[in-house]
Amino acid sequence: MLRMFVLLLGAALSVGGVLELLVHGPRGAGLQALVLGLLLLAGTLFERLRYGESDAPPTGPDWERTDETFVDPGSGRPMAVYQNRSTGKRRYVPIGRA
Protein backbone atom coordinates (compact mmCIF):
# COMPACT_ATOMS: atom_id res chain seq x y z
CA MET A 1 0.00 0.00 0.00
CA LEU A 2 2.76 2.45 0.95
CA ARG A 3 4.78 1.42 -2.10
CA MET A 4 1.84 2.19 -4.38
CA PHE A 5 1.33 5.58 -2.71
CA VAL A 6 5.00 6.49 -3.22
CA LEU A 7 4.85 5.40 -6.87
CA LEU A 8 1.74 7.51 -7.47
CA LEU A 9 3.30 10.49 -5.70
CA GLY A 10 6.46 10.16 -7.79
CA ALA A 11 4.43 9.94 -11.00
CA ALA A 12 2.31 12.95 -10.05
CA LEU A 13 5.37 15.03 -9.18
CA SER A 14 7.07 14.04 -12.43
CA VAL A 15 4.05 14.91 -14.56
CA GLY A 16 3.51 18.14 -12.64
CA GLY A 17 7.16 19.07 -13.08
CA VAL A 18 7.02 18.46 -16.83
CA LEU A 19 3.84 20.52 -17.14
CA GLU A 20 5.40 23.34 -15.10
CA LEU A 21 8.47 23.29 -17.34
CA LEU A 22 6.33 23.37 -20.49
CA VAL A 23 4.20 26.27 -19.26
CA HIS A 24 6.76 28.44 -17.46
CA GLY A 25 10.10 27.32 -18.85
CA PRO A 26 13.16 26.19 -16.92
CA ARG A 27 12.45 27.73 -13.55
CA GLY A 28 13.09 26.17 -10.16
CA ALA A 29 9.68 24.74 -9.22
CA GLY A 30 9.16 22.61 -12.31
CA LEU A 31 12.67 21.25 -12.33
CA GLN A 32 12.59 20.47 -8.60
CA ALA A 33 9.27 18.64 -8.88
CA LEU A 34 10.49 16.64 -11.87
CA VAL A 35 13.75 15.61 -10.20
CA LEU A 36 12.02 14.70 -6.91
CA GLY A 37 9.37 12.69 -8.74
CA LEU A 38 11.95 10.80 -10.78
CA LEU A 39 14.00 10.07 -7.65
CA LEU A 40 10.93 8.68 -5.87
CA LEU A 41 10.04 6.52 -8.87
CA ALA A 42 13.58 5.23 -9.39
CA GLY A 43 14.19 4.54 -5.72
CA THR A 44 10.91 2.68 -5.29
CA LEU A 45 11.21 0.66 -8.48
CA PHE A 46 14.84 -0.32 -8.02
CA GLU A 47 14.73 -1.10 -4.29
CA ARG A 48 13.42 -4.55 -5.10
CA LEU A 49 16.47 -5.17 -7.26
CA ARG A 50 18.76 -4.26 -4.38
CA TYR A 51 16.95 -5.97 -1.53
CA GLY A 52 15.02 -8.51 -3.57
CA GLU A 53 12.22 -10.74 -2.49
CA SER A 54 13.26 -14.31 -3.01
CA ASP A 55 10.73 -17.11 -2.64
CA ALA A 56 13.51 -19.68 -2.24
CA PRO A 57 14.33 -20.95 1.23
CA PRO A 58 17.68 -19.67 2.52
CA THR A 59 20.61 -22.04 2.25
CA GLY A 60 23.55 -22.54 4.56
CA PRO A 61 24.28 -24.43 7.75
CA ASP A 62 23.05 -21.66 10.09
CA TRP A 63 19.55 -21.38 8.59
CA GLU A 64 16.79 -23.50 10.06
CA ARG A 65 13.04 -23.54 9.63
CA THR A 66 11.13 -22.60 12.77
CA ASP A 67 7.71 -23.92 13.78
CA GLU A 68 6.15 -20.53 13.02
CA THR A 69 3.75 -20.09 10.12
CA PHE A 70 1.37 -17.29 9.22
CA VAL A 71 -0.71 -15.95 6.35
CA ASP A 72 0.88 -12.94 4.67
CA PRO A 73 -1.74 -10.17 4.73
CA GLY A 74 -0.43 -8.61 1.50
CA SER A 75 -0.47 -11.70 -0.69
CA GLY A 76 -2.76 -14.05 1.25
CA ARG A 77 -0.15 -16.83 0.96
CA PRO A 78 0.83 -19.05 3.89
CA MET A 79 4.43 -18.37 4.92
CA ALA A 80 7.12 -20.35 6.76
CA VAL A 81 9.71 -18.64 8.96
CA TYR A 82 13.42 -19.40 8.67
CA GLN A 83 15.95 -18.08 11.16
CA ASN A 84 19.73 -17.78 11.04
CA ARG A 85 21.03 -19.15 14.35
CA SER A 86 24.20 -17.06 14.31
CA THR A 87 22.75 -13.66 13.40
CA GLY A 88 19.08 -13.92 14.39
CA LYS A 89 18.02 -12.73 10.92
CA ARG A 90 14.65 -14.06 9.78
CA ARG A 91 13.35 -14.87 6.27
CA TYR A 92 9.77 -15.50 5.27
CA VAL A 93 9.18 -18.02 2.49
CA PRO A 94 5.89 -19.13 0.89
CA ILE A 95 5.08 -22.60 2.22
CA GLY A 96 4.45 -24.00 -1.25
CA ARG A 97 8.14 -23.30 -2.01
CA ALA A 98 9.61 -24.20 1.38
PDB file of N, CA and C in Angstrom:
ATOM      1  N   MET A   1       0.828  -1.189   0.000  1.00  0.00           N
ATOM      2  CA  MET A   1       0.000   0.000   0.000  1.00  0.00           C
ATOM      3  C   MET A   1       0.877   1.260   0.000  1.00  0.00           C
ATOM      4  N   LEU A   2       1.860   1.308   0.892  1.00  0.00           N
ATOM      5  CA  LEU A   2       2.759   2.452   0.948  1.00  0.00           C
ATOM      6  C   LEU A   2       3.566   2.562  -0.341  1.00  0.00           C
ATOM      7  N   ARG A   3       4.002   1.418  -0.848  1.00  0.00           N
ATOM      8  CA  ARG A   3       4.780   1.417  -2.095  1.00  0.00           C
ATOM      9  C   ARG A   3       3.968   2.021  -3.245  1.00  0.00           C
ATOM     10  N   MET A   4       2.706   1.652  -3.330  1.00  0.00           N
ATOM     11  CA  MET A   4       1.838   2.187  -4.383  1.00  0.00           C
ATOM     12  C   MET A   4       1.648   3.694  -4.209  1.00  0.00           C
ATOM     13  N   PHE A   5       1.480   4.150  -2.975  1.00  0.00           N
ATOM     14  CA  PHE A   5       1.335   5.581  -2.715  1.00  0.00           C
ATOM     15  C   PHE A   5       2.579   6.346  -3.161  1.00  0.00           C
ATOM     16  N   VAL A   6       3.753   5.820  -2.839  1.00  0.00           N
ATOM     17  CA  VAL A   6       5.004   6.494  -3.219  1.00  0.00           C
ATOM     18  C   VAL A   6       5.159   6.513  -4.740  1.00  0.00           C
ATOM     19  N   LEU A   7       4.787   5.425  -5.406  1.00  0.00           N
ATOM     20  CA  LEU A   7       4.851   5.402  -6.873  1.00  0.00           C
ATOM     21  C   LEU A   7       3.902   6.433  -7.489  1.00  0.00           C
ATOM     22  N   LEU A   8       2.693   6.518  -6.952  1.00  0.00           N
ATOM     23  CA  LEU A   8       1.740   7.509  -7.467  1.00  0.00           C
ATOM     24  C   LEU A   8       2.211   8.933  -7.192  1.00  0.00           C
ATOM     25  N   LEU A   9       2.770   9.167  -6.024  1.00  0.00           N
ATOM     26  CA  LEU A   9       3.299  10.490  -5.696  1.00  0.00           C
ATOM     27  C   LEU A   9       4.450  10.858  -6.633  1.00  0.00           C
ATOM     28  N   GLY A  10       5.346   9.913  -6.871  1.00  0.00           N
ATOM     29  CA  GLY A  10       6.457  10.156  -7.786  1.00  0.00           C
ATOM     30  C   GLY A  10       5.984  10.454  -9.198  1.00  0.00           C
ATOM     31  N   ALA A  11       4.981   9.713  -9.653  1.00  0.00           N
ATOM     32  CA  ALA A  11       4.435   9.941 -10.997  1.00  0.00           C
ATOM     33  C   ALA A  11       3.762  11.308 -11.077  1.00  0.00           C
ATOM     34  N   ALA A  12       2.997  11.655 -10.047  1.00  0.00           N
ATOM     35  CA  ALA A  12       2.310  12.953 -10.047  1.00  0.00           C
ATOM     36  C   ALA A  12       3.315  14.103 -10.030  1.00  0.00           C
ATOM     37  N   LEU A  13       4.351  13.994  -9.221  1.00  0.00           N
ATOM     38  CA  LEU A  13       5.372  15.034  -9.179  1.00  0.00           C
ATOM     39  C   LEU A  13       6.093  15.149 -10.516  1.00  0.00           C
ATOM     40  N   SER A  14       6.384  14.025 -11.130  1.00  0.00           N
ATOM     41  CA  SER A  14       7.069  14.043 -12.429  1.00  0.00           C
ATOM     42  C   SER A  14       6.217  14.714 -13.498  1.00  0.00           C
ATOM     43  N   VAL A  15       4.954  14.321 -13.563  1.00  0.00           N
ATOM     44  CA  VAL A  15       4.047  14.909 -14.557  1.00  0.00           C
ATOM     45  C   VAL A  15       3.859  16.397 -14.270  1.00  0.00           C
ATOM     46  N   GLY A  16       3.655  16.738 -13.004  1.00  0.00           N
ATOM     47  CA  GLY A  16       3.506  18.142 -12.640  1.00  0.00           C
ATOM     48  C   GLY A  16       4.748  18.957 -12.978  1.00  0.00           C
ATOM     49  N   GLY A  17       5.914  18.387 -12.745  1.00  0.00           N
ATOM     50  CA  GLY A  17       7.159  19.072 -13.083  1.00  0.00           C
ATOM     51  C   GLY A  17       7.300  19.307 -14.579  1.00  0.00           C
ATOM     52  N   VAL A  18       6.952  18.309 -15.364  1.00  0.00           N
ATOM     53  CA  VAL A  18       7.022  18.464 -16.827  1.00  0.00           C
ATOM     54  C   VAL A  18       6.044  19.534 -17.293  1.00  0.00           C
ATOM     55  N   LEU A  19       4.823  19.504 -16.759  1.00  0.00           N
ATOM     56  CA  LEU A  19       3.842  20.521 -17.142  1.00  0.00           C
ATOM     57  C   LEU A  19       4.305  21.921 -16.747  1.00  0.00           C
ATOM     58  N   GLU A  20       4.874  22.048 -15.564  1.00  0.00           N
ATOM     59  CA  GLU A  20       5.396  23.336 -15.103  1.00  0.00           C
ATOM     60  C   GLU A  20       6.514  23.826 -16.027  1.00  0.00           C
ATOM     61  N   LEU A  21       7.388  22.918 -16.429  1.00  0.00           N
ATOM     62  CA  LEU A  21       8.467  23.294 -17.343  1.00  0.00           C
ATOM     63  C   LEU A  21       7.930  23.713 -18.715  1.00  0.00           C
ATOM     64  N   LEU A  22       6.904  23.019 -19.186  1.00  0.00           N
ATOM     65  CA  LEU A  22       6.326  23.365 -20.485  1.00  0.00           C
ATOM     66  C   LEU A  22       5.628  24.722 -20.463  1.00  0.00           C
ATOM     67  N   VAL A  23       4.971  25.022 -19.348  1.00  0.00           N
ATOM     68  CA  VAL A  23       4.203  26.266 -19.261  1.00  0.00           C
ATOM     69  C   VAL A  23       5.093  27.456 -18.937  1.00  0.00           C
ATOM     70  N   HIS A  24       5.985  27.302 -17.963  1.00  0.00           N
ATOM     71  CA  HIS A  24       6.758  28.444 -17.459  1.00  0.00           C
ATOM     72  C   HIS A  24       8.242  28.410 -17.815  1.00  0.00           C
ATOM     73  N   GLY A  25       8.685  27.395 -18.490  1.00  0.00           N
ATOM     74  CA  GLY A  25      10.096  27.317 -18.850  1.00  0.00           C
ATOM     75  C   GLY A  25      10.951  26.787 -17.699  1.00  0.00           C
ATOM     76  N   PRO A  26      12.254  26.820 -17.904  1.00  0.00           N
ATOM     77  CA  PRO A  26      13.163  26.194 -16.922  1.00  0.00           C
ATOM     78  C   PRO A  26      13.353  27.042 -15.657  1.00  0.00           C
ATOM     79  N   ARG A  27      12.340  27.060 -14.845  1.00  0.00           N
ATOM     80  CA  ARG A  27      12.447  27.734 -13.546  1.00  0.00           C
ATOM     81  C   ARG A  27      12.521  26.681 -12.458  1.00  0.00           C
ATOM     82  N   GLY A  28      12.811  27.086 -11.264  1.00  0.00           N
ATOM     83  CA  GLY A  28      13.090  26.171 -10.162  1.00  0.00           C
ATOM     84  C   GLY A  28      12.003  25.175  -9.814  1.00  0.00           C
ATOM     85  N   ALA A  29      10.737  25.617  -9.728  1.00  0.00           N
ATOM     86  CA  ALA A  29       9.679  24.741  -9.220  1.00  0.00           C
ATOM     87  C   ALA A  29       9.456  23.526 -10.113  1.00  0.00           C
ATOM     88  N   GLY A  30       9.407  23.723 -11.395  1.00  0.00           N
ATOM     89  CA  GLY A  30       9.163  22.607 -12.306  1.00  0.00           C
ATOM     90  C   GLY A  30      10.299  21.611 -12.309  1.00  0.00           C
ATOM     91  N   LEU A  31      11.502  22.121 -12.317  1.00  0.00           N
ATOM     92  CA  LEU A  31      12.669  21.246 -12.326  1.00  0.00           C
ATOM     93  C   LEU A  31      12.793  20.473 -11.015  1.00  0.00           C
ATOM     94  N   GLN A  32      12.523  21.146  -9.909  1.00  0.00           N
ATOM     95  CA  GLN A  32      12.593  20.473  -8.604  1.00  0.00           C
ATOM     96  C   GLN A  32      11.546  19.371  -8.500  1.00  0.00           C
ATOM     97  N   ALA A  33      10.328  19.647  -8.927  1.00  0.00           N
ATOM     98  CA  ALA A  33       9.267  18.639  -8.880  1.00  0.00           C
ATOM     99  C   ALA A  33       9.604  17.447  -9.772  1.00  0.00           C
ATOM    100  N   LEU A  34      10.126  17.719 -10.953  1.00  0.00           N
ATOM    101  CA  LEU A  34      10.489  16.643 -11.872  1.00  0.00           C
ATOM    102  C   LEU A  34      11.594  15.766 -11.291  1.00  0.00           C
ATOM    103  N   VAL A  35      12.629  16.380 -10.757  1.00  0.00           N
ATOM    104  CA  VAL A  35      13.747  15.611 -10.197  1.00  0.00           C
ATOM    105  C   VAL A  35      13.288  14.811  -8.982  1.00  0.00           C
ATOM    106  N   LEU A  36      12.510  15.423  -8.086  1.00  0.00           N
ATOM    107  CA  LEU A  36      12.024  14.703  -6.907  1.00  0.00           C
ATOM    108  C   LEU A  36      11.124  13.535  -7.311  1.00  0.00           C
ATOM    109  N   GLY A  37      10.243  13.764  -8.268  1.00  0.00           N
ATOM    110  CA  GLY A  37       9.365  12.691  -8.736  1.00  0.00           C
ATOM    111  C   GLY A  37      10.136  11.537  -9.348  1.00  0.00           C
ATOM    112  N   LEU A  38      11.141  11.860 -10.166  1.00  0.00           N
ATOM    113  CA  LEU A  38      11.955  10.799 -10.778  1.00  0.00           C
ATOM    114  C   LEU A  38      12.765  10.039  -9.737  1.00  0.00           C
ATOM    115  N   LEU A  39      13.263  10.742  -8.725  1.00  0.00           N
ATOM    116  CA  LEU A  39      13.999  10.066  -7.652  1.00  0.00           C
ATOM    117  C   LEU A  39      13.091   9.119  -6.869  1.00  0.00           C
ATOM    118  N   LEU A  40      11.880   9.550  -6.572  1.00  0.00           N
ATOM    119  CA  LEU A  40      10.929   8.675  -5.873  1.00  0.00           C
ATOM    120  C   LEU A  40      10.602   7.440  -6.709  1.00  0.00           C
ATOM    121  N   LEU A  41      10.349   7.651  -7.998  1.00  0.00           N
ATOM    122  CA  LEU A  41      10.041   6.516  -8.873  1.00  0.00           C
ATOM    123  C   LEU A  41      11.217   5.552  -8.969  1.00  0.00           C
ATOM    124  N   ALA A  42      12.401   6.089  -9.232  1.00  0.00           N
ATOM    125  CA  ALA A  42      13.577   5.227  -9.391  1.00  0.00           C
ATOM    126  C   ALA A  42      13.904   4.483  -8.105  1.00  0.00           C
ATOM    127  N   GLY A  43      13.871   5.183  -6.995  1.00  0.00           N
ATOM    128  CA  GLY A  43      14.190   4.537  -5.722  1.00  0.00           C
ATOM    129  C   GLY A  43      13.211   3.442  -5.367  1.00  0.00           C
ATOM    130  N   THR A  44      11.932   3.682  -5.625  1.00  0.00           N
ATOM    131  CA  THR A  44      10.912   2.685  -5.295  1.00  0.00           C
ATOM    132  C   THR A  44      10.953   1.495  -6.242  1.00  0.00           C
ATOM    133  N   LEU A  45      11.181   1.752  -7.520  1.00  0.00           N
ATOM    134  CA  LEU A  45      11.211   0.656  -8.483  1.00  0.00           C
ATOM    135  C   LEU A  45      12.468  -0.205  -8.358  1.00  0.00           C
ATOM    136  N   PHE A  46      13.598   0.416  -8.059  1.00  0.00           N
ATOM    137  CA  PHE A  46      14.843  -0.322  -8.022  1.00  0.00           C
ATOM    138  C   PHE A  46      15.195  -0.889  -6.650  1.00  0.00           C
ATOM    139  N   GLU A  47      14.423  -0.543  -5.605  1.00  0.00           N
ATOM    140  CA  GLU A  47      14.732  -1.096  -4.286  1.00  0.00           C
ATOM    141  C   GLU A  47      14.528  -2.604  -4.257  1.00  0.00           C
ATOM    142  N   ARG A  48      13.625  -3.099  -5.066  1.00  0.00           N
ATOM    143  CA  ARG A  48      13.420  -4.548  -5.101  1.00  0.00           C
ATOM    144  C   ARG A  48      14.601  -5.259  -5.752  1.00  0.00           C
ATOM    145  N   LEU A  49      15.281  -4.568  -6.671  1.00  0.00           N
ATOM    146  CA  LEU A  49      16.474  -5.169  -7.263  1.00  0.00           C
ATOM    147  C   LEU A  49      17.583  -5.282  -6.220  1.00  0.00           C
ATOM    148  N   ARG A  50      17.697  -4.285  -5.378  1.00  0.00           N
ATOM    149  CA  ARG A  50      18.765  -4.259  -4.380  1.00  0.00           C
ATOM    150  C   ARG A  50      18.480  -5.221  -3.231  1.00  0.00           C
ATOM    151  N   TYR A  51      17.278  -5.170  -2.710  1.00  0.00           N
ATOM    152  CA  TYR A  51      16.953  -5.973  -1.533  1.00  0.00           C
ATOM    153  C   TYR A  51      16.229  -7.254  -1.882  1.00  0.00           C
ATOM    154  N   GLY A  52      15.629  -7.307  -3.040  1.00  0.00           N
ATOM    155  CA  GLY A  52      15.015  -8.510  -3.572  1.00  0.00           C
ATOM    156  C   GLY A  52      14.067  -9.241  -2.640  1.00  0.00           C
ATOM    157  N   GLU A  53      13.138  -9.897  -3.234  1.00  0.00           N
ATOM    158  CA  GLU A  53      12.220 -10.744  -2.489  1.00  0.00           C
ATOM    159  C   GLU A  53      12.297 -12.128  -3.097  1.00  0.00           C
ATOM    160  N   SER A  54      13.086 -12.965  -2.499  1.00  0.00           N
ATOM    161  CA  SER A  54      13.258 -14.314  -3.013  1.00  0.00           C
ATOM    162  C   SER A  54      12.245 -15.243  -2.364  1.00  0.00           C
ATOM    163  N   ASP A  55      11.644 -16.107  -3.173  1.00  0.00           N
ATOM    164  CA  ASP A  55      10.726 -17.106  -2.644  1.00  0.00           C
ATOM    165  C   ASP A  55      11.449 -18.393  -2.277  1.00  0.00           C
ATOM    166  N   ALA A  56      12.751 -18.462  -2.536  1.00  0.00           N
ATOM    167  CA  ALA A  56      13.509 -19.677  -2.242  1.00  0.00           C
ATOM    168  C   ALA A  56      13.931 -19.696  -0.778  1.00  0.00           C
ATOM    169  N   PRO A  57      13.862 -20.858  -0.147  1.00  0.00           N
ATOM    170  CA  PRO A  57      14.334 -20.949   1.234  1.00  0.00           C
ATOM    171  C   PRO A  57      15.824 -20.627   1.314  1.00  0.00           C
ATOM    172  N   PRO A  58      16.260 -19.989   2.384  1.00  0.00           N
ATOM    173  CA  PRO A  58      17.680 -19.670   2.517  1.00  0.00           C
ATOM    174  C   PRO A  58      18.505 -20.939   2.666  1.00  0.00           C
ATOM    175  N   THR A  59      19.725 -20.888   2.159  1.00  0.00           N
ATOM    176  CA  THR A  59      20.612 -22.039   2.255  1.00  0.00           C
ATOM    177  C   THR A  59      21.764 -21.713   3.183  1.00  0.00           C
ATOM    178  N   GLY A  60      22.415 -22.729   3.670  1.00  0.00           N
ATOM    179  CA  GLY A  60      23.545 -22.540   4.564  1.00  0.00           C
ATOM    180  C   GLY A  60      23.320 -23.294   5.855  1.00  0.00           C
ATOM    181  N   PRO A  61      24.394 -23.610   6.545  1.00  0.00           N
ATOM    182  CA  PRO A  61      24.284 -24.431   7.745  1.00  0.00           C
ATOM    183  C   PRO A  61      23.620 -23.717   8.924  1.00  0.00           C
ATOM    184  N   ASP A  62      23.619 -22.377   8.946  1.00  0.00           N
ATOM    185  CA  ASP A  62      23.052 -21.663  10.088  1.00  0.00           C
ATOM    186  C   ASP A  62      21.558 -21.402   9.964  1.00  0.00           C
ATOM    187  N   TRP A  63      20.981 -21.629   8.787  1.00  0.00           N
ATOM    188  CA  TRP A  63      19.555 -21.379   8.594  1.00  0.00           C
ATOM    189  C   TRP A  63      18.752 -22.607   8.977  1.00  0.00           C
ATOM    190  N   GLU A  64      17.686 -22.404   9.722  1.00  0.00           N
ATOM    191  CA  GLU A  64      16.794 -23.501  10.063  1.00  0.00           C
ATOM    192  C   GLU A  64      15.354 -23.005  10.040  1.00  0.00           C
ATOM    193  N   ARG A  65      14.465 -23.895   9.648  1.00  0.00           N
ATOM    194  CA  ARG A  65      13.044 -23.544   9.629  1.00  0.00           C
ATOM    195  C   ARG A  65      12.504 -23.623  11.051  1.00  0.00           C
ATOM    196  N   THR A  66      11.747 -22.602  11.435  1.00  0.00           N
ATOM    197  CA  THR A  66      11.127 -22.602  12.767  1.00  0.00           C
ATOM    198  C   THR A  66       9.743 -23.244  12.660  1.00  0.00           C
ATOM    199  N   ASP A  67       9.063 -23.373  13.779  1.00  0.00           N
ATOM    200  CA  ASP A  67       7.706 -23.919  13.785  1.00  0.00           C
ATOM    201  C   ASP A  67       6.655 -22.861  13.447  1.00  0.00           C
ATOM    202  N   GLU A  68       7.090 -21.629  13.277  1.00  0.00           N
ATOM    203  CA  GLU A  68       6.154 -20.531  13.024  1.00  0.00           C
ATOM    204  C   GLU A  68       5.641 -20.551  11.587  1.00  0.00           C
ATOM    205  N   THR A  69       4.362 -20.319  11.428  1.00  0.00           N
ATOM    206  CA  THR A  69       3.745 -20.094  10.120  1.00  0.00           C
ATOM    207  C   THR A  69       2.696 -18.999  10.287  1.00  0.00           C
ATOM    208  N   PHE A  70       2.399 -18.320   9.188  1.00  0.00           N
ATOM    209  CA  PHE A  70       1.370 -17.287   9.217  1.00  0.00           C
ATOM    210  C   PHE A  70       0.900 -17.043   7.789  1.00  0.00           C
ATOM    211  N   VAL A  71      -0.192 -16.325   7.669  1.00  0.00           N
ATOM    212  CA  VAL A  71      -0.705 -15.945   6.355  1.00  0.00           C
ATOM    213  C   VAL A  71      -0.302 -14.500   6.112  1.00  0.00           C
ATOM    214  N   ASP A  72       0.424 -14.282   5.023  1.00  0.00           N
ATOM    215  CA  ASP A  72       0.877 -12.945   4.670  1.00  0.00           C
ATOM    216  C   ASP A  72      -0.334 -12.093   4.305  1.00  0.00           C
ATOM    217  N   PRO A  73      -0.558 -10.978   5.022  1.00  0.00           N
ATOM    218  CA  PRO A  73      -1.744 -10.170   4.733  1.00  0.00           C
ATOM    219  C   PRO A  73      -1.704  -9.505   3.358  1.00  0.00           C
ATOM    220  N   GLY A  74      -0.526  -9.261   2.813  1.00  0.00           N
ATOM    221  CA  GLY A  74      -0.428  -8.610   1.504  1.00  0.00           C
ATOM    222  C   GLY A  74      -0.763  -9.530   0.354  1.00  0.00           C
ATOM    223  N   SER A  75      -0.279 -10.774   0.423  1.00  0.00           N
ATOM    224  CA  SER A  75      -0.475 -11.702  -0.691  1.00  0.00           C
ATOM    225  C   SER A  75      -1.517 -12.780  -0.402  1.00  0.00           C
ATOM    226  N   GLY A  76      -1.825 -12.995   0.880  1.00  0.00           N
ATOM    227  CA  GLY A  76      -2.762 -14.048   1.251  1.00  0.00           C
ATOM    228  C   GLY A  76      -2.150 -15.437   1.238  1.00  0.00           C
ATOM    229  N   ARG A  77      -0.818 -15.530   1.036  1.00  0.00           N
ATOM    230  CA  ARG A  77      -0.148 -16.829   0.960  1.00  0.00           C
ATOM    231  C   ARG A  77       0.325 -17.266   2.345  1.00  0.00           C
ATOM    232  N   PRO A  78       0.253 -18.562   2.631  1.00  0.00           N
ATOM    233  CA  PRO A  78       0.832 -19.049   3.887  1.00  0.00           C
ATOM    234  C   PRO A  78       2.355 -18.997   3.813  1.00  0.00           C
ATOM    235  N   MET A  79       2.984 -18.567   4.893  1.00  0.00           N
ATOM    236  CA  MET A  79       4.432 -18.369   4.924  1.00  0.00           C
ATOM    237  C   MET A  79       5.074 -19.208   6.025  1.00  0.00           C
ATOM    238  N   ALA A  80       6.292 -19.664   5.767  1.00  0.00           N
ATOM    239  CA  ALA A  80       7.119 -20.348   6.757  1.00  0.00           C
ATOM    240  C   ALA A  80       8.215 -19.384   7.187  1.00  0.00           C
ATOM    241  N   VAL A  81       8.677 -19.527   8.424  1.00  0.00           N
ATOM    242  CA  VAL A  81       9.706 -18.641   8.960  1.00  0.00           C
ATOM    243  C   VAL A  81      11.011 -19.413   9.097  1.00  0.00           C
ATOM    244  N   TYR A  82      12.075 -18.851   8.534  1.00  0.00           N
ATOM    245  CA  TYR A  82      13.423 -19.395   8.674  1.00  0.00           C
ATOM    246  C   TYR A  82      14.235 -18.415   9.501  1.00  0.00           C
ATOM    247  N   GLN A  83      15.125 -18.944  10.330  1.00  0.00           N
ATOM    248  CA  GLN A  83      15.955 -18.079  11.163  1.00  0.00           C
ATOM    249  C   GLN A  83      17.410 -18.523  11.087  1.00  0.00           C
ATOM    250  N   ASN A  84      18.295 -17.522  11.027  1.00  0.00           N
ATOM    251  CA  ASN A  84      19.725 -17.781  11.043  1.00  0.00           C
ATOM    252  C   ASN A  84      20.160 -17.837  12.506  1.00  0.00           C
ATOM    253  N   ARG A  85      20.667 -18.977  12.932  1.00  0.00           N
ATOM    254  CA  ARG A  85      21.030 -19.148  14.350  1.00  0.00           C
ATOM    255  C   ARG A  85      22.140 -18.204  14.786  1.00  0.00           C
ATOM    256  N   SER A  86      23.061 -17.879  13.897  1.00  0.00           N
ATOM    257  CA  SER A  86      24.204 -17.063  14.308  1.00  0.00           C
ATOM    258  C   SER A  86      23.901 -15.564  14.329  1.00  0.00           C
ATOM    259  N   THR A  87      23.019 -15.099  13.455  1.00  0.00           N
ATOM    260  CA  THR A  87      22.753 -13.657  13.396  1.00  0.00           C
ATOM    261  C   THR A  87      21.378 -13.267  13.915  1.00  0.00           C
ATOM    262  N   GLY A  88      20.450 -14.226  13.967  1.00  0.00           N
ATOM    263  CA  GLY A  88      19.085 -13.922  14.386  1.00  0.00           C
ATOM    264  C   GLY A  88      18.210 -13.390  13.257  1.00  0.00           C
ATOM    265  N   LYS A  89      18.785 -13.240  12.053  1.00  0.00           N
ATOM    266  CA  LYS A  89      18.019 -12.735  10.918  1.00  0.00           C
ATOM    267  C   LYS A  89      16.934 -13.740  10.541  1.00  0.00           C
ATOM    268  N   ARG A  90      15.778 -13.211  10.137  1.00  0.00           N
ATOM    269  CA  ARG A  90      14.645 -14.065   9.780  1.00  0.00           C
ATOM    270  C   ARG A  90      14.283 -13.846   8.315  1.00  0.00           C
ATOM    271  N   ARG A  91      13.829 -14.916   7.652  1.00  0.00           N
ATOM    272  CA  ARG A  91      13.353 -14.865   6.274  1.00  0.00           C
ATOM    273  C   ARG A  91      11.992 -15.529   6.224  1.00  0.00           C
ATOM    274  N   TYR A  92      11.123 -14.981   5.396  1.00  0.00           N
ATOM    275  CA  TYR A  92       9.773 -15.500   5.270  1.00  0.00           C
ATOM    276  C   TYR A  92       9.598 -16.035   3.855  1.00  0.00           C
ATOM    277  N   VAL A  93       9.225 -17.316   3.763  1.00  0.00           N
ATOM    278  CA  VAL A  93       9.176 -18.021   2.487  1.00  0.00           C
ATOM    279  C   VAL A  93       7.787 -18.628   2.311  1.00  0.00           C
ATOM    280  N   PRO A  94       7.175 -18.477   1.129  1.00  0.00           N
ATOM    281  CA  PRO A  94       5.890 -19.127   0.895  1.00  0.00           C
ATOM    282  C   PRO A  94       5.994 -20.630   1.134  1.00  0.00           C
ATOM    283  N   ILE A  95       5.016 -21.192   1.820  1.00  0.00           N
ATOM    284  CA  ILE A  95       5.079 -22.599   2.216  1.00  0.00           C
ATOM    285  C   ILE A  95       5.089 -23.524   1.015  1.00  0.00           C
ATOM    286  N   GLY A  96       4.438 -23.170  -0.061  1.00  0.00           N
ATOM    287  CA  GLY A  96       4.452 -24.001  -1.253  1.00  0.00           C
ATOM    288  C   GLY A  96       5.850 -24.165  -1.837  1.00  0.00           C
ATOM    289  N   ARG A  97       6.769 -23.263  -1.493  1.00  0.00           N
ATOM    290  CA  ARG A  97       8.142 -23.301  -2.012  1.00  0.00           C
ATOM    291  C   ARG A  97       9.127 -23.757  -0.953  1.00  0.00           C
ATOM    292  N   ALA A  98       8.701 -23.862   0.281  1.00  0.00           N
ATOM    293  CA  ALA A  98       9.613 -24.197   1.381  1.00  0.00           C
ATOM    294  C   ALA A  98       9.948 -25.660   1.408  1.00  0.00           C
TER     295      ALA A  98
END
